[in-house]
Protein backbone atom coordinates (compact mmCIF):
# COMPACT_ATOMS: atom_id res chain seq x y z
CA UNK A 1 -0.15 -0.28 0.14
CA UNK A 2 3.01 2.78 0.90
CA UNK A 3 4.46 0.93 -2.55
CA UNK A 4 1.45 2.37 -4.29
CA UNK A 5 0.75 5.60 -2.27
CA UNK A 6 4.76 6.54 -3.55
CA UNK A 7 4.34 6.93 -6.77
CA UNK A 8 0.57 8.03 -6.74
CA UNK A 9 2.80 11.05 -5.16
CA UNK A 10 5.58 10.92 -7.64
CA UNK A 11 3.32 11.37 -10.68
CA UNK A 12 1.18 14.37 -9.15
CA UNK A 13 4.54 15.67 -8.44
CA UNK A 14 6.15 14.60 -11.82
CA UNK A 15 2.43 17.01 -13.24
CA UNK A 16 2.76 19.45 -11.29
CA UNK A 17 7.08 20.33 -12.56
CA UNK A 18 6.30 19.73 -15.83
CA UNK A 19 3.29 22.59 -15.34
CA UNK A 20 6.20 24.91 -13.69
CA UNK A 21 8.96 24.31 -16.38
CA UNK A 22 6.52 25.14 -18.96
CA UNK A 23 5.47 27.79 -17.91
CA UNK A 24 8.89 29.27 -17.39
CA UNK A 25 9.32 27.96 -21.14
CA UNK A 26 6.07 30.32 -22.14
CA UNK A 27 7.45 33.34 -19.95
CA UNK A 28 10.77 33.61 -21.25
CA UNK A 29 9.60 35.68 -24.16
CA UNK A 30 8.59 38.13 -21.54
CA UNK A 31 10.87 41.63 -20.18
CA UNK A 32 11.33 43.31 -17.23
CA UNK A 33 12.04 42.29 -13.34
CA UNK A 34 8.82 40.83 -13.02
CA UNK A 35 9.16 38.10 -15.42
CA UNK A 36 12.50 37.37 -14.36
CA UNK A 37 11.36 37.00 -10.89
CA UNK A 38 8.33 34.84 -11.81
CA UNK A 39 10.46 32.09 -14.37
CA UNK A 40 13.11 31.61 -11.27
CA UNK A 41 10.51 30.97 -8.53
CA UNK A 42 9.01 28.76 -11.40
CA UNK A 43 11.99 27.05 -12.44
CA UNK A 44 13.17 26.06 -9.14
CA UNK A 45 10.02 24.81 -8.26
CA UNK A 46 9.50 22.82 -11.32
CA UNK A 47 12.65 21.33 -11.21
CA UNK A 48 12.32 20.50 -7.20
CA UNK A 49 8.95 18.62 -7.70
CA UNK A 50 10.80 16.61 -10.90
CA UNK A 51 13.46 15.64 -7.98
CA UNK A 52 10.84 15.00 -5.55
CA UNK A 53 8.74 13.07 -7.92
CA UNK A 54 12.08 10.76 -8.86
CA UNK A 55 12.75 9.96 -5.21
CA UNK A 56 9.17 8.76 -4.64
CA UNK A 57 8.69 6.74 -7.80
CA UNK A 58 12.13 4.97 -7.20
CA UNK A 59 11.93 4.16 -3.57
CA UNK A 60 14.76 5.83 -2.17
CA UNK A 61 13.61 8.58 0.28
CA UNK A 62 13.54 7.17 3.69
CA UNK A 63 10.38 7.16 6.15
CA UNK A 64 8.65 4.15 4.27
CA UNK A 65 7.69 1.22 6.76
CA UNK A 66 8.00 -2.17 6.58
CA UNK A 67 7.48 -5.43 8.24
CA UNK A 68 10.16 -7.03 10.97
CA UNK A 69 11.49 -10.13 11.05
CA UNK A 70 9.49 -12.77 12.49
CA UNK A 71 6.18 -10.49 11.71
CA UNK A 72 3.50 -11.81 10.07
CA UNK A 73 2.33 -10.27 6.95
CA UNK A 74 -1.54 -10.79 7.38
CA UNK A 75 -3.60 -10.62 10.61
CA UNK A 76 -3.49 -9.44 14.26
CA UNK A 77 -0.32 -10.44 14.95
CA UNK A 78 0.89 -8.39 12.37
CA UNK A 79 3.21 -5.40 12.89
CA UNK A 80 5.75 -3.20 11.34
CA UNK A 81 8.66 -1.55 12.24
CA UNK A 82 9.53 2.70 11.46
CA UNK A 83 12.69 3.36 8.76
CA UNK A 84 14.70 5.72 8.07
CA UNK A 85 14.11 9.81 8.63
CA UNK A 86 10.17 10.91 8.16
CA UNK A 87 11.44 14.79 8.64
CA UNK A 88 13.02 14.38 5.07
CA UNK A 89 9.85 12.96 3.33
CA UNK A 90 7.98 15.30 4.68
CA UNK A 91 9.79 17.76 3.24
CA UNK A 92 9.48 16.56 0.01
CA UNK A 93 5.85 15.49 0.48
CA UNK A 94 5.06 19.71 1.02
CA UNK A 95 6.36 20.23 -2.42
CA UNK A 96 3.30 20.09 -4.54
CA UNK A 97 1.77 22.65 -2.10
CA UNK A 98 4.76 24.88 -2.16
CA UNK A 99 5.07 24.46 -6.37
CA UNK A 100 0.60 25.00 -6.46
CA UNK A 101 1.14 28.21 -4.85
CA UNK A 102 3.80 29.38 -7.00
CA UNK A 103 1.32 28.51 -10.10
CA UNK A 104 -1.04 31.02 -8.34
CA UNK A 105 0.87 33.77 -7.16
CA UNK A 106 2.57 33.82 -11.29
CA UNK A 107 -1.33 33.72 -12.44
CA UNK A 108 -2.87 35.91 -9.97
CA UNK A 109 0.49 38.68 -9.16
CA UNK A 110 0.92 42.14 -10.08
CA UNK A 111 3.92 40.90 -12.36
CA UNK A 112 1.63 39.35 -14.43
CA UNK A 113 -0.19 41.97 -16.20
CA UNK A 114 1.82 43.55 -19.06
CA UNK A 115 1.47 47.20 -18.57
CA UNK A 116 -1.23 48.93 -20.69
CA UNK A 117 0.32 52.03 -21.61
CA UNK A 118 2.61 50.38 -23.70
CA UNK A 119 -0.07 48.37 -25.33
CA UNK A 120 -1.86 51.98 -26.06
CA UNK A 121 1.24 53.05 -27.77
CA UNK A 122 1.56 50.05 -30.09
CA UNK A 123 -1.70 50.76 -31.29
CA UNK A 124 -1.67 54.71 -31.59
CA UNK A 125 1.10 54.82 -33.57
CA UNK A 126 0.90 55.79 -37.33
CA UNK A 127 3.84 55.25 -39.96
CA UNK A 128 5.40 58.34 -41.35
CA UNK A 129 4.36 59.28 -44.59
CA UNK A 130 6.31 57.95 -47.47
CA UNK A 131 8.76 60.78 -49.32
CA UNK A 132 7.16 61.52 -52.94
CA UNK A 133 8.30 59.20 -55.51
CA UNK A 134 12.03 59.41 -57.04
CA UNK A 135 12.86 62.09 -54.21
CA UNK A 136 15.60 61.35 -51.02
CA UNK A 137 13.80 61.75 -47.95
CA UNK A 138 16.58 63.19 -46.00
CA UNK A 139 17.39 66.09 -48.77
CA UNK A 140 13.90 66.80 -49.43
CA UNK A 141 13.15 71.17 -48.73
CA UNK A 142 10.10 71.42 -46.54
CA UNK A 143 7.17 72.78 -48.81
CA UNK A 144 6.78 76.88 -48.04
CA UNK A 145 3.67 78.05 -46.83
CA UNK A 146 1.46 80.29 -49.69
CA UNK A 147 1.67 83.54 -49.27
CA UNK A 148 -1.42 85.02 -47.90
CA UNK A 149 -3.43 86.40 -50.65
CA UNK A 150 -4.53 90.47 -50.64
CA UNK A 151 -8.06 91.47 -49.98
CA UNK A 152 -8.49 92.36 -53.49
CA UNK A 153 -7.72 88.75 -54.82
CA UNK A 154 -9.73 87.60 -51.89
CA UNK A 155 -12.82 89.69 -52.85
CA UNK A 156 -12.24 88.49 -56.82
CA UNK A 157 -11.51 84.82 -56.45
CA UNK A 158 -14.92 82.85 -56.51
CA UNK A 159 -16.19 81.08 -53.50
CA UNK A 160 -14.95 77.41 -52.47
CA UNK A 161 -17.91 75.00 -51.78
CA UNK A 162 -17.22 72.06 -49.47
CA UNK A 163 -16.59 68.83 -51.51
CA UNK A 164 -19.42 67.01 -51.91
CA UNK A 165 -19.05 63.59 -49.91
CA UNK A 166 -19.05 60.84 -52.60
CA UNK A 167 -22.35 58.72 -52.76
CA UNK A 168 -22.37 55.72 -50.63
CA UNK A 169 -22.39 52.89 -52.72
CA UNK A 170 -25.65 50.83 -53.64
CA UNK A 171 -25.56 47.46 -51.58
CA UNK A 172 -24.59 43.93 -53.64
CA UNK A 173 -28.08 42.04 -54.89
CA UNK A 174 -28.60 39.29 -53.05
CA UNK A 175 -30.58 35.70 -53.29
CA UNK A 176 -31.46 34.26 -50.82
CA UNK A 177 -32.60 30.02 -51.12
CA UNK A 178 -35.68 29.22 -49.84
CA UNK A 179 -36.78 27.08 -47.28
CA UNK A 180 -37.35 23.23 -49.00
CA UNK A 181 -40.65 23.19 -49.48
CA UNK A 182 -42.63 20.48 -46.72
CA UNK A 183 -45.23 18.38 -48.19
CA UNK A 184 -48.50 19.19 -47.53
CA UNK A 185 -50.64 17.30 -43.90
CA UNK A 186 -51.84 13.99 -45.18
CA UNK A 187 -55.64 14.40 -45.18
CA UNK A 188 -56.80 12.05 -42.14
CA UNK A 189 -60.25 10.13 -41.67
CA UNK A 190 -61.53 9.38 -37.80
CA UNK A 191 -62.31 5.66 -38.67
CA UNK A 192 -58.41 5.15 -40.50
CA UNK A 193 -55.69 3.18 -38.88
CA UNK A 194 -54.12 5.02 -35.96
CA UNK A 195 -50.22 3.38 -36.60
CA UNK A 196 -48.41 1.79 -39.96
CA UNK A 197 -50.50 -0.45 -42.14
CA UNK A 198 -48.51 -3.47 -42.27
CA UNK A 199 -50.64 -5.89 -45.31
CA UNK A 200 -52.97 -5.11 -47.83
CA UNK A 201 -55.10 -7.71 -49.85
CA UNK A 202 -57.59 -6.93 -52.54
CA UNK A 203 -60.66 -9.31 -52.31
CA UNK A 204 -61.23 -12.15 -55.60
CA UNK A 205 -64.18 -9.61 -57.10
CA UNK A 206 -61.77 -6.76 -56.67
CA UNK A 207 -64.22 -4.65 -55.25
CA UNK A 208 -62.93 -4.52 -51.48
CA UNK A 209 -59.42 -4.99 -49.98
CA UNK A 210 -58.32 -5.85 -46.68
CA UNK A 211 -55.56 -3.88 -44.47
CA UNK A 212 -53.69 -5.07 -41.31
CA UNK A 213 -52.23 -2.70 -38.98
CA UNK A 214 -49.71 -2.48 -35.83
CA UNK A 215 -52.88 -0.88 -34.11
CA UNK A 216 -54.07 -4.49 -34.00
CA UNK A 217 -56.88 -4.36 -36.40
CA UNK A 218 -58.04 -5.60 -39.19
CA UNK A 219 -59.93 -3.09 -41.83
CA UNK A 220 -62.42 -4.00 -44.52
CA UNK A 221 -62.32 -1.26 -47.53
CA UNK A 222 -64.99 -0.56 -50.18
CA UNK A 223 -62.91 0.39 -53.19
CA UNK A 224 -65.74 1.70 -55.38
CA UNK A 225 -67.12 3.91 -52.57
CA UNK A 226 -64.00 4.84 -50.79
CA UNK A 227 -65.28 4.14 -47.39
CA UNK A 228 -64.56 2.04 -44.82
CA UNK A 229 -67.12 -1.16 -44.57
CA UNK A 230 -66.22 -1.98 -40.83
CA UNK A 231 -63.68 -2.80 -38.58
CA UNK A 232 -62.86 -6.60 -39.22
CA UNK A 233 -61.51 -7.52 -36.14
CA UNK A 234 -59.09 -6.91 -33.44
CA UNK A 235 -56.14 -8.88 -32.46
CA UNK A 236 -54.45 -8.97 -29.17
CA UNK A 237 -51.28 -7.64 -30.31
CA UNK A 238 -50.45 -5.80 -32.99
CA UNK A 239 -52.14 -7.90 -36.57
CA UNK A 240 -49.75 -9.00 -39.53
CA UNK A 241 -51.72 -10.41 -42.54
CA UNK A 242 -55.26 -10.81 -43.15
CA UNK A 243 -56.24 -12.80 -46.61
CA UNK A 244 -59.12 -13.47 -48.39
CA UNK A 245 -60.19 -17.22 -48.78
CA UNK A 246 -60.85 -18.12 -52.49
CA UNK A 247 -64.84 -17.94 -51.70
CA UNK A 248 -65.13 -14.18 -50.39
CA UNK A 249 -67.10 -14.56 -47.79
CA UNK A 250 -64.26 -15.54 -45.14
CA UNK A 251 -60.83 -14.82 -44.52
CA UNK A 252 -57.89 -15.39 -42.13
CA UNK A 253 -56.39 -12.45 -40.16
CA UNK A 254 -53.04 -13.27 -37.90
CA UNK A 255 -51.31 -11.08 -35.67
CA UNK A 256 -48.27 -11.09 -32.80
CA UNK A 257 -50.51 -12.55 -30.19
CA UNK A 258 -49.87 -16.21 -32.24
CA UNK A 259 -54.07 -16.44 -33.23
CA UNK A 260 -54.88 -17.02 -36.86
CA UNK A 261 -58.81 -15.67 -37.12
CA UNK A 262 -61.52 -17.21 -39.42
CA UNK A 263 -63.49 -14.75 -39.94
CA UNK A 264 -66.90 -13.82 -41.61
CA UNK A 265 -66.68 -11.07 -43.88
CA UNK A 266 -70.38 -9.92 -43.84
CA UNK A 267 -70.08 -9.07 -40.24
CA UNK A 268 -66.62 -10.00 -38.49
CA UNK A 269 -67.74 -12.34 -36.45
CA UNK A 270 -64.92 -15.29 -35.64
CA UNK A 271 -65.60 -18.81 -36.50
CA UNK A 272 -62.59 -20.38 -35.24
CA UNK A 273 -59.46 -19.62 -33.88
CA UNK A 274 -55.80 -21.18 -34.92
CA UNK A 275 -53.86 -20.67 -31.81
CA UNK A 276 -49.70 -21.37 -32.39
CA UNK A 277 -49.40 -21.83 -28.27
CA UNK A 278 -45.61 -22.15 -27.91
CA UNK A 279 -45.06 -21.83 -30.96
CA UNK A 280 -44.86 -18.12 -30.75
CA UNK A 281 -46.24 -15.29 -32.98
CA UNK A 282 -47.59 -15.48 -36.57
CA UNK A 283 -45.05 -13.00 -38.26
CA UNK A 284 -46.58 -14.00 -41.98
CA UNK A 285 -48.95 -16.21 -43.36
CA UNK A 286 -50.15 -17.62 -46.58
CA UNK A 287 -53.28 -19.94 -48.00
CA UNK A 288 -53.25 -22.59 -50.64
CA UNK A 289 -55.08 -21.61 -54.19
CA UNK A 290 -58.09 -23.60 -53.42
CA UNK A 291 -58.21 -22.20 -49.44
CA UNK A 292 -57.84 -25.57 -47.55
CA UNK A 293 -54.80 -25.04 -46.25
CA UNK A 294 -52.78 -22.15 -44.69
CA UNK A 295 -49.17 -22.03 -43.72
CA UNK A 296 -47.91 -19.70 -40.95
CA UNK A 297 -44.28 -18.58 -40.26
CA UNK A 298 -43.53 -17.89 -36.54
CA UNK A 299 -40.93 -15.62 -34.30
CA UNK A 300 -39.23 -18.94 -32.66
CA UNK A 301 -38.69 -20.32 -36.27
CA UNK A 302 -40.93 -22.99 -36.75
CA UNK A 303 -43.35 -23.13 -39.82
CA UNK A 304 -47.02 -24.75 -38.71
CA UNK A 305 -49.54 -26.28 -41.68
CA UNK A 306 -52.98 -26.24 -40.65
CA UNK A 307 -56.18 -27.87 -42.68
CA UNK A 308 -58.47 -25.24 -42.57
CA UNK A 309 -61.62 -27.25 -43.42
CA UNK A 310 -61.26 -29.49 -40.53
CA UNK A 311 -59.64 -26.99 -38.22
CA UNK A 312 -56.67 -29.01 -37.39
CA UNK A 313 -53.17 -28.78 -36.91
CA UNK A 314 -51.54 -30.80 -39.96
CA UNK A 315 -47.38 -30.45 -39.59
CA UNK A 316 -45.35 -28.11 -37.20
CA UNK A 317 -41.72 -27.91 -38.08
CA UNK A 318 -38.53 -26.91 -36.52
CA UNK A 319 -38.55 -24.82 -39.36
CA UNK A 320 -35.33 -22.64 -38.84
CA UNK A 321 -32.65 -21.66 -36.49
CA UNK A 322 -34.25 -17.70 -36.49
CA UNK A 323 -37.46 -15.97 -36.60
CA UNK A 324 -40.08 -16.19 -39.89
CA UNK A 325 -39.68 -13.09 -42.02
CA UNK A 326 -41.81 -14.89 -44.90
CA UNK A 327 -43.53 -17.52 -46.18
CA UNK A 328 -45.74 -18.14 -49.15
CA UNK A 329 -47.57 -21.67 -51.10
CA UNK A 330 -46.52 -22.72 -54.79
CA UNK A 331 -49.48 -22.23 -57.15
CA UNK A 332 -50.65 -26.00 -57.11
CA UNK A 333 -50.60 -25.79 -53.49
CA UNK A 334 -48.52 -28.67 -52.74
CA UNK A 335 -45.25 -26.82 -51.48
CA UNK A 336 -44.48 -23.83 -49.21
CA UNK A 337 -41.32 -21.76 -48.74
CA UNK A 338 -40.36 -20.25 -45.39
CA UNK A 339 -37.35 -17.39 -45.71
CA UNK A 340 -35.71 -16.60 -41.94
CA UNK A 341 -34.33 -13.07 -40.90
CA UNK A 342 -30.71 -14.85 -40.98
CA UNK A 343 -31.19 -14.83 -45.08
CA UNK A 344 -32.25 -18.92 -45.03
CA UNK A 345 -34.51 -20.36 -47.58
CA UNK A 346 -36.50 -23.69 -47.09
CA UNK A 347 -38.81 -25.26 -49.38
CA UNK A 348 -41.11 -27.81 -47.84
CA UNK A 349 -43.98 -30.38 -48.65
CA UNK A 350 -47.50 -29.10 -47.39
CA UNK A 351 -48.37 -32.70 -47.46
CA UNK A 352 -45.44 -34.49 -45.43
CA UNK A 353 -44.15 -31.69 -43.92
CA UNK A 354 -40.49 -32.82 -44.86
CA UNK A 355 -37.73 -30.12 -46.12
CA UNK A 356 -36.93 -30.33 -49.80
CA UNK A 357 -34.16 -27.68 -50.18
CA UNK A 358 -32.29 -25.45 -48.17
CA UNK A 359 -30.46 -22.39 -48.66
CA UNK A 360 -28.48 -19.33 -47.67
CA UNK A 361 -30.09 -16.76 -50.50
CA UNK A 362 -29.98 -13.19 -49.32
CA UNK A 363 -27.67 -11.43 -46.32
CA UNK A 364 -30.07 -10.32 -44.25
CA UNK A 365 -33.84 -11.61 -44.01
CA UNK A 366 -36.16 -12.33 -47.37
CA UNK A 367 -38.93 -10.38 -46.00
CA UNK A 368 -41.26 -10.25 -49.02
CA UNK A 369 -41.43 -13.87 -50.70
CA UNK A 370 -43.24 -14.97 -54.15
CA UNK A 371 -43.78 -17.97 -56.26
CA UNK A 372 -44.32 -17.46 -59.84
CA UNK A 373 -47.18 -19.10 -61.99
CA UNK A 374 -45.36 -21.66 -62.87
CA UNK A 375 -44.71 -22.53 -59.78
CA UNK A 376 -40.83 -23.22 -60.64
CA UNK A 377 -39.20 -19.79 -60.02
CA UNK A 378 -39.41 -17.62 -56.83
CA UNK A 379 -39.18 -14.40 -56.10
CA UNK A 380 -37.51 -12.95 -52.58
CA UNK A 381 -37.23 -9.05 -51.10
CA UNK A 382 -35.16 -9.29 -48.90
CA UNK A 383 -32.93 -6.55 -46.09
CA UNK A 384 -29.77 -6.59 -48.36
CA UNK A 385 -32.07 -4.36 -50.79
CA UNK A 386 -31.89 -6.69 -53.38
CA UNK A 387 -35.07 -8.67 -55.01
CA UNK A 388 -33.57 -11.80 -56.53
CA UNK A 389 -35.41 -14.47 -58.81
CA UNK A 390 -34.67 -17.85 -58.10
CA UNK A 391 -34.49 -21.37 -59.80
CA UNK A 392 -35.96 -23.65 -57.61
CA UNK A 393 -35.22 -27.10 -58.95
CA UNK A 394 -31.44 -26.04 -58.71
CA UNK A 395 -31.97 -23.03 -55.91
CA UNK A 396 -29.42 -20.73 -57.88
CA UNK A 397 -29.93 -17.38 -58.35
CA UNK A 398 -31.57 -16.39 -62.02
CA UNK A 399 -31.86 -12.61 -61.99
CA UNK A 400 -31.31 -10.40 -59.50
CA UNK A 401 -33.38 -6.66 -59.35
CA UNK A 402 -31.34 -3.61 -57.67
CA UNK A 403 -32.95 0.21 -56.91
CA UNK A 404 -33.89 -0.22 -53.35
CA UNK A 405 -31.86 1.52 -50.83
CA UNK A 406 -33.77 -0.11 -47.61
CA UNK A 407 -35.43 -3.19 -47.32
CA UNK A 408 -37.09 -4.79 -49.74
CA UNK A 409 -40.65 -5.81 -47.18
CA UNK A 410 -43.05 -6.91 -49.98
CA UNK A 411 -43.16 -8.10 -53.33
CA UNK A 412 -46.99 -8.64 -55.09
CA UNK A 413 -47.28 -9.98 -58.76
CA UNK A 414 -49.78 -8.73 -61.49
CA UNK A 415 -52.73 -10.20 -62.50
CA UNK A 416 -51.05 -11.60 -65.79
CA UNK A 417 -47.74 -12.15 -63.92
CA UNK A 418 -45.50 -9.81 -66.41
CA UNK A 419 -45.09 -6.58 -63.56
CA UNK A 420 -43.64 -7.39 -60.14
CA UNK A 421 -44.07 -4.88 -57.65
CA UNK A 422 -42.07 -4.02 -54.05
CA UNK A 423 -42.16 -1.95 -51.42
CA UNK A 424 -39.59 -1.07 -49.45
CA UNK A 425 -38.28 0.99 -46.15
CA UNK A 426 -36.92 3.39 -48.49
CA UNK A 427 -40.05 5.08 -48.43
CA UNK A 428 -40.79 3.91 -52.61
CA UNK A 429 -42.46 1.60 -54.22
CA UNK A 430 -41.46 -0.23 -57.61
CA UNK A 431 -42.42 -1.87 -60.59
CA UNK A 432 -40.32 -4.09 -62.80
CA UNK A 433 -41.09 -5.45 -66.15
CA UNK A 434 -40.24 -9.29 -65.65
CA UNK A 435 -38.51 -9.59 -69.26
CA UNK A 436 -36.36 -7.47 -69.37
CA UNK A 437 -35.52 -7.31 -65.24
CA UNK A 438 -35.75 -2.91 -65.39
CA UNK A 439 -37.66 -0.93 -63.40
CA UNK A 440 -40.19 0.97 -65.07
CA UNK A 441 -42.00 3.29 -61.94
CA UNK A 442 -41.66 4.72 -58.90
CA UNK A 443 -44.34 5.85 -56.47
CA UNK A 444 -42.66 7.81 -53.80
CA UNK A 445 -44.99 9.66 -51.09
CA UNK A 446 -42.61 11.11 -49.05
CA UNK A 447 -44.01 10.30 -45.94
CA UNK A 448 -42.02 6.96 -44.67
CA UNK A 449 -41.59 2.82 -44.70
CA UNK A 450 -43.88 1.16 -47.45
CA UNK A 451 -45.09 -2.50 -45.62
CA UNK A 452 -47.52 -3.64 -47.65
CA UNK A 453 -47.85 -3.46 -51.55
CA UNK A 454 -50.97 -5.30 -53.97
CA UNK A 455 -52.22 -4.87 -57.48
CA UNK A 456 -56.06 -3.14 -57.71
CA UNK A 457 -58.61 -5.28 -60.01
CA UNK A 458 -58.40 -1.89 -62.61
CA UNK A 459 -54.00 -2.25 -62.44
CA UNK A 460 -53.06 0.28 -59.96
CA UNK A 461 -51.04 0.16 -56.96
CA UNK A 462 -51.79 -0.16 -53.65
CA UNK A 463 -49.86 0.98 -51.02
CA UNK A 464 -49.52 1.02 -46.83
CA UNK A 465 -46.62 2.00 -44.54
CA UNK A 466 -45.53 4.33 -41.96
CA UNK A 467 -47.85 7.09 -42.62
CA UNK A 468 -51.53 4.83 -41.79
CA UNK A 469 -52.61 5.41 -45.15
CA UNK A 470 -53.62 3.68 -48.05
CA UNK A 471 -52.67 4.94 -51.42
CA UNK A 472 -53.76 4.45 -55.09
CA UNK A 473 -50.99 5.15 -57.76
CA UNK A 474 -50.91 4.49 -61.66
CA UNK A 475 -49.31 2.31 -63.24
CA UNK A 476 -47.38 4.34 -65.57
CA UNK A 477 -46.11 6.22 -62.90
CA UNK A 478 -46.98 10.05 -61.41
CA UNK A 479 -48.66 11.24 -58.35
CA UNK A 480 -50.73 9.37 -56.19
CA UNK A 481 -54.12 10.05 -54.27
CA UNK A 482 -55.00 9.04 -50.75
CA UNK A 483 -57.41 6.13 -51.12
CA UNK A 484 -57.76 5.60 -47.18
CA UNK A 485 -56.62 7.90 -44.50
CA UNK A 486 -55.53 7.31 -41.37
CA UNK A 487 -56.63 8.35 -38.42
CA UNK A 488 -55.70 11.66 -36.83
CA UNK A 489 -52.72 11.53 -34.40
């Protein structure tokens, strides 16, 4: 412990000594007795502090205690015997206080102030006028004052008017850049969603759409009448997915509460509840084209196949090591694809629950997953900002679509299969030509991430997102219109 104290004192003394010597260095340029006196005082304190620091660090100062012979180092029987001359140690220990006093005196003493008159004389001096060009300054004769004019000359001379003041220069013209215009506030409606819209689905007849929101509600909208038909249901936690069944009379909705609810569209009545139990919340849901099977992906990484007609569970697969980010069912209803947030993709046989293929498709999760009409190719949109087309027979990447600057969160395929629609967290939706892979249209509401996309029956583009609003966009590009506004904040 004493050794630690010695080294602590040594560090303190060395710091004070260096500070004193630094003050001396900067004071060497000064003049006058006051500067010389201060430099000598600080220099002495600095040298003495450095010397004391060296002695304390090396342990050469006497006065430290050490255990005596045959005395235990620990316990009540431990004793110490003083050694050396404590007074010399105390003298060097006082050095920090003396050095600090010297620094304070140097900073606050009267000698630390420069004479003000000297400063004034330097600023008040003006440069001497220069001699006329071509003349020697020392030999130039002083100019003689002109002879006074006679009274008659003064009377004949015209009056001399004072020189006119030069007009002040006109201020330069200025160009001030205006502030960027903020987009106009979005319209609101009391029955709209109060939080982001994360899912859109168009009814088989094309006259209505369903939306799911993190405000836990699922809403049914009339496209033709541009009105809310009803709030179809409310989940215990945020709603994630809402899908029409082929009969057009029922729907499946799912959410983070782990429930998949079969609902009647006419009044929103719950016909059956499929609970995932300990398998976790439902991140994504897909149904077979015939409406008999449903496949759900859960935050525990499990994939579950449900029999909708019988209200039972067909398979619960171990699935992925990470949370499921996307699922889809093939056009023939025999296979399903699941994607995890670690970028892994797995192909499943719905009838047997067996895994057919697994591969690492993206660096981050594929949130948008979509089969093409031929059933042999798959589109995935991911957190690595890319959209990839896969050959399911080989598991190889066929094409890559790039353009988004944020996670591609949702995908939709046009009815004729010739156009792909993508929505991204970069705040845009984009339309892609399937033959060329080129981007054909960009939709940007400038109001936040796009979480949901869909094609309306007339071919226009529907988007939903962070702004709680459902937009309608012309398929060829251009400005969109608010189809269904969100609730007031």
